[in-house]
């Protein structure tokens, strides 16, 4: 999954916004910046999103993760941030 944004909604839960490249199943995943491991996250599910009726592009997906991720370490305009399944 190409990650476009990280949103902390509580100290226990974080949302990752982006475009999934595969089915996102609950369990451990690696958050990578430019191919290097930054954190291991526990994906708990995927939030439902809907496209705007006038919109021609599919909306990004939203993945729910257990734990907190510090967004300050990422520059989404320069870095390639991805979520990769472990194993």
N, C-alpha and C. Protein backbone atom coordinates (compact mmCIF):
# COMPACT_ATOMS: atom_id res chain seq x y z
N UNK A 1 0.85 -1.17 0.00
CA UNK A 1 0.00 0.00 0.00
C UNK A 1 0.89 1.23 0.00
N UNK A 2 0.62 2.14 -0.89
CA UNK A 2 1.30 3.43 -0.89
C UNK A 2 0.59 4.31 0.13
N UNK A 3 1.30 4.77 1.14
CA UNK A 3 0.72 5.57 2.22
C UNK A 3 0.84 7.05 1.89
N UNK A 4 -0.29 7.77 1.98
CA UNK A 4 -0.34 9.20 1.69
C UNK A 4 -0.37 10.07 2.93
N UNK A 5 -0.86 9.50 4.04
CA UNK A 5 -0.97 10.28 5.28
C UNK A 5 -1.10 9.33 6.46
N UNK A 6 -0.71 9.82 7.63
CA UNK A 6 -0.82 9.10 8.89
C UNK A 6 -1.60 9.98 9.84
N UNK A 7 -2.70 9.45 10.39
CA UNK A 7 -3.56 10.23 11.28
C UNK A 7 -3.70 9.49 12.60
N UNK A 8 -3.18 10.09 13.68
CA UNK A 8 -3.33 9.51 15.01
C UNK A 8 -4.69 9.93 15.55
N UNK A 9 -5.56 8.95 15.82
CA UNK A 9 -6.89 9.31 16.34
C UNK A 9 -6.98 9.10 17.85
N UNK A 10 -6.02 8.37 18.41
CA UNK A 10 -5.91 8.20 19.86
C UNK A 10 -4.52 7.62 20.14
N UNK A 11 -4.11 7.58 21.41
CA UNK A 11 -2.81 6.96 21.70
C UNK A 11 -2.77 5.47 21.34
N UNK A 12 -3.93 4.85 21.21
CA UNK A 12 -3.99 3.42 20.91
C UNK A 12 -4.30 3.10 19.45
N UNK A 13 -4.68 4.10 18.66
CA UNK A 13 -5.11 3.81 17.29
C UNK A 13 -4.64 4.87 16.30
N UNK A 14 -4.20 4.40 15.13
CA UNK A 14 -3.71 5.26 14.06
C UNK A 14 -4.37 4.86 12.76
N UNK A 15 -4.66 5.83 11.91
CA UNK A 15 -5.19 5.57 10.58
C UNK A 15 -4.10 5.82 9.55
N UNK A 16 -3.96 4.92 8.60
CA UNK A 16 -3.06 5.10 7.47
C UNK A 16 -3.92 5.29 6.23
N UNK A 17 -3.71 6.37 5.51
CA UNK A 17 -4.49 6.70 4.33
C UNK A 17 -3.62 6.46 3.10
N UNK A 18 -4.16 5.73 2.12
CA UNK A 18 -3.37 5.48 0.93
C UNK A 18 -4.09 4.58 -0.06
N UNK A 19 -3.33 4.12 -1.05
CA UNK A 19 -3.89 3.28 -2.10
C UNK A 19 -3.39 1.85 -1.95
N UNK A 20 -4.27 0.93 -1.55
CA UNK A 20 -3.86 -0.47 -1.36
C UNK A 20 -3.43 -1.11 -2.68
N UNK A 21 -2.37 -1.91 -2.61
CA UNK A 21 -1.90 -2.65 -3.77
C UNK A 21 -2.23 -4.13 -3.64
N UNK A 22 -2.77 -4.52 -2.47
CA UNK A 22 -3.18 -5.89 -2.22
C UNK A 22 -4.25 -5.88 -1.14
N UNK A 23 -4.84 -7.05 -0.87
CA UNK A 23 -5.84 -7.16 0.17
C UNK A 23 -5.17 -6.94 1.52
N UNK A 24 -5.73 -6.05 2.31
CA UNK A 24 -5.17 -5.72 3.62
C UNK A 24 -5.88 -6.55 4.69
N UNK A 25 -5.18 -7.53 5.21
CA UNK A 25 -5.74 -8.41 6.22
C UNK A 25 -5.19 -8.03 7.59
N UNK A 26 -5.99 -8.23 8.63
CA UNK A 26 -5.50 -7.93 9.98
C UNK A 26 -4.24 -8.73 10.30
N UNK A 27 -3.37 -8.11 11.10
CA UNK A 27 -2.12 -8.75 11.51
C UNK A 27 -0.95 -7.80 11.39
N UNK A 28 0.27 -8.31 11.58
CA UNK A 28 1.45 -7.44 11.54
C UNK A 28 1.85 -7.05 10.12
N UNK A 29 2.17 -5.78 9.94
CA UNK A 29 2.63 -5.21 8.66
C UNK A 29 3.81 -4.30 8.95
N UNK A 30 4.66 -4.10 7.95
CA UNK A 30 5.81 -3.20 8.09
C UNK A 30 5.52 -1.87 7.42
N UNK A 31 5.78 -0.79 8.13
CA UNK A 31 5.70 0.55 7.56
C UNK A 31 7.11 0.92 7.13
N UNK A 32 7.29 1.21 5.85
CA UNK A 32 8.62 1.49 5.30
C UNK A 32 8.69 2.88 4.69
N UNK A 33 9.86 3.51 4.85
CA UNK A 33 10.14 4.80 4.23
C UNK A 33 11.33 4.59 3.30
N UNK A 34 11.10 4.80 2.01
CA UNK A 34 12.13 4.59 0.98
C UNK A 34 12.75 3.20 1.07
N UNK A 35 11.90 2.20 1.35
CA UNK A 35 12.34 0.81 1.40
C UNK A 35 12.91 0.35 2.72
N UNK A 36 13.13 1.26 3.67
CA UNK A 36 13.71 0.91 4.96
C UNK A 36 12.61 0.79 6.02
N UNK A 37 12.70 -0.25 6.84
CA UNK A 37 11.73 -0.47 7.90
C UNK A 37 11.76 0.67 8.91
N UNK A 38 10.59 1.24 9.19
CA UNK A 38 10.45 2.32 10.17
C UNK A 38 9.73 1.80 11.40
N UNK A 39 8.67 1.00 11.19
CA UNK A 39 7.88 0.49 12.31
C UNK A 39 7.12 -0.76 11.86
N UNK A 40 6.81 -1.59 12.83
CA UNK A 40 5.91 -2.71 12.59
C UNK A 40 4.58 -2.33 13.22
N UNK A 41 3.51 -2.42 12.43
CA UNK A 41 2.19 -2.02 12.92
C UNK A 41 1.26 -3.22 12.90
N UNK A 42 0.26 -3.18 13.76
CA UNK A 42 -0.74 -4.24 13.84
C UNK A 42 -2.02 -3.73 13.18
N UNK A 43 -2.27 -4.15 11.94
CA UNK A 43 -3.47 -3.73 11.21
C UNK A 43 -4.67 -4.43 11.82
N UNK A 44 -5.71 -3.65 12.17
CA UNK A 44 -6.91 -4.22 12.77
C UNK A 44 -8.09 -4.25 11.82
N UNK A 45 -8.02 -3.51 10.71
CA UNK A 45 -9.12 -3.50 9.75
C UNK A 45 -8.99 -2.37 8.77
N UNK A 46 -9.99 -2.29 7.91
CA UNK A 46 -10.02 -1.26 6.88
C UNK A 46 -11.35 -0.52 6.98
N UNK A 47 -11.29 0.80 6.97
CA UNK A 47 -12.50 1.62 7.05
C UNK A 47 -13.15 1.71 5.67
N UNK A 48 -14.46 1.77 5.66
CA UNK A 48 -15.20 1.91 4.40
C UNK A 48 -15.15 3.36 3.94
N UNK A 49 -14.86 3.58 2.64
CA UNK A 49 -14.86 4.92 2.06
C UNK A 49 -15.73 4.90 0.81
N UNK A 50 -16.28 6.05 0.47
CA UNK A 50 -17.13 6.16 -0.71
C UNK A 50 -16.62 7.28 -1.61
N UNK A 51 -16.69 7.05 -2.90
CA UNK A 51 -16.29 8.07 -3.87
C UNK A 51 -17.40 9.11 -3.97
N UNK A 52 -17.00 10.35 -4.24
CA UNK A 52 -17.96 11.41 -4.49
C UNK A 52 -18.70 11.06 -5.78
N UNK A 53 -19.96 11.38 -5.86
CA UNK A 53 -20.75 11.05 -7.05
C UNK A 53 -20.15 11.67 -8.31
N UNK A 54 -19.56 12.86 -8.19
CA UNK A 54 -18.98 13.52 -9.35
C UNK A 54 -17.54 13.09 -9.59
N UNK A 55 -16.94 12.48 -8.57
CA UNK A 55 -15.52 12.14 -8.65
C UNK A 55 -15.23 11.04 -9.65
N UNK A 56 -14.13 11.16 -10.34
CA UNK A 56 -13.74 10.15 -11.31
C UNK A 56 -12.63 9.26 -10.78
N UNK A 57 -11.98 9.70 -9.69
CA UNK A 57 -10.91 8.91 -9.10
C UNK A 57 -11.45 8.13 -7.91
N UNK A 58 -10.92 6.95 -7.73
CA UNK A 58 -11.29 6.16 -6.56
C UNK A 58 -10.70 6.82 -5.32
N UNK A 59 -11.45 6.85 -4.23
CA UNK A 59 -10.91 7.46 -3.01
C UNK A 59 -9.82 6.57 -2.42
N UNK A 60 -8.89 7.17 -1.67
CA UNK A 60 -7.87 6.35 -1.02
C UNK A 60 -8.50 5.46 0.04
N UNK A 61 -7.83 4.36 0.35
CA UNK A 61 -8.29 3.48 1.41
C UNK A 61 -7.80 3.99 2.76
N UNK A 62 -8.47 3.55 3.81
CA UNK A 62 -8.10 3.93 5.17
C UNK A 62 -7.93 2.64 5.97
N UNK A 63 -6.72 2.46 6.52
CA UNK A 63 -6.39 1.26 7.28
C UNK A 63 -6.27 1.64 8.75
N UNK A 64 -6.91 0.87 9.62
CA UNK A 64 -6.85 1.10 11.05
C UNK A 64 -5.74 0.24 11.65
N UNK A 65 -4.90 0.86 12.48
CA UNK A 65 -3.77 0.16 13.10
C UNK A 65 -3.77 0.39 14.60
N UNK A 66 -3.34 -0.61 15.34
CA UNK A 66 -3.18 -0.49 16.78
C UNK A 66 -1.82 0.15 17.05
N UNK A 67 -1.78 1.12 17.96
CA UNK A 67 -0.53 1.78 18.32
C UNK A 67 -0.42 3.17 17.74
N UNK A 68 0.67 3.82 18.08
CA UNK A 68 0.88 5.21 17.64
C UNK A 68 2.10 5.27 16.73
N UNK A 69 2.01 6.07 15.68
CA UNK A 69 3.11 6.27 14.73
C UNK A 69 3.38 7.78 14.68
N UNK A 70 4.64 8.17 14.85
CA UNK A 70 5.00 9.59 14.81
C UNK A 70 5.10 10.05 13.35
N UNK A 71 4.18 10.88 12.95
CA UNK A 71 4.10 11.37 11.56
C UNK A 71 5.25 12.32 11.22
N UNK A 72 5.89 12.91 12.22
CA UNK A 72 6.94 13.92 11.98
C UNK A 72 8.13 13.37 11.22
N UNK A 73 8.35 12.06 11.26
CA UNK A 73 9.49 11.47 10.58
C UNK A 73 9.30 11.24 9.09
N UNK A 74 8.14 11.64 8.56
CA UNK A 74 7.81 11.37 7.16
C UNK A 74 7.60 12.66 6.38
N UNK A 75 8.13 12.71 5.18
CA UNK A 75 7.86 13.80 4.24
C UNK A 75 7.17 13.14 3.05
N UNK A 76 5.85 13.20 3.02
CA UNK A 76 5.08 12.48 2.01
C UNK A 76 5.27 13.02 0.59
N UNK A 77 5.86 14.22 0.47
CA UNK A 77 6.11 14.76 -0.88
C UNK A 77 7.45 14.26 -1.43
N UNK A 78 8.36 13.84 -0.55
CA UNK A 78 9.68 13.39 -0.97
C UNK A 78 9.91 11.90 -0.77
N UNK A 79 9.39 11.36 0.33
CA UNK A 79 9.63 9.96 0.67
C UNK A 79 8.58 9.04 0.06
N UNK A 80 8.99 7.82 -0.26
CA UNK A 80 8.05 6.78 -0.65
C UNK A 80 7.71 6.00 0.62
N UNK A 81 6.47 6.13 1.08
CA UNK A 81 6.04 5.47 2.30
C UNK A 81 5.09 4.35 1.90
N UNK A 82 5.42 3.13 2.35
CA UNK A 82 4.62 1.97 1.97
C UNK A 82 4.32 1.11 3.20
N UNK A 83 3.24 0.34 3.07
CA UNK A 83 2.85 -0.63 4.08
C UNK A 83 2.98 -2.00 3.41
N UNK A 84 3.81 -2.87 4.00
CA UNK A 84 4.14 -4.15 3.38
C UNK A 84 3.81 -5.30 4.33
N UNK A 85 3.16 -6.31 3.82
CA UNK A 85 2.81 -7.48 4.62
C UNK A 85 4.08 -8.22 5.07
N UNK A 86 4.09 -8.65 6.31
CA UNK A 86 5.21 -9.43 6.82
C UNK A 86 5.02 -10.89 6.41
N UNK A 87 6.07 -11.46 5.85
CA UNK A 87 6.01 -12.88 5.50
C UNK A 87 5.63 -13.12 4.14
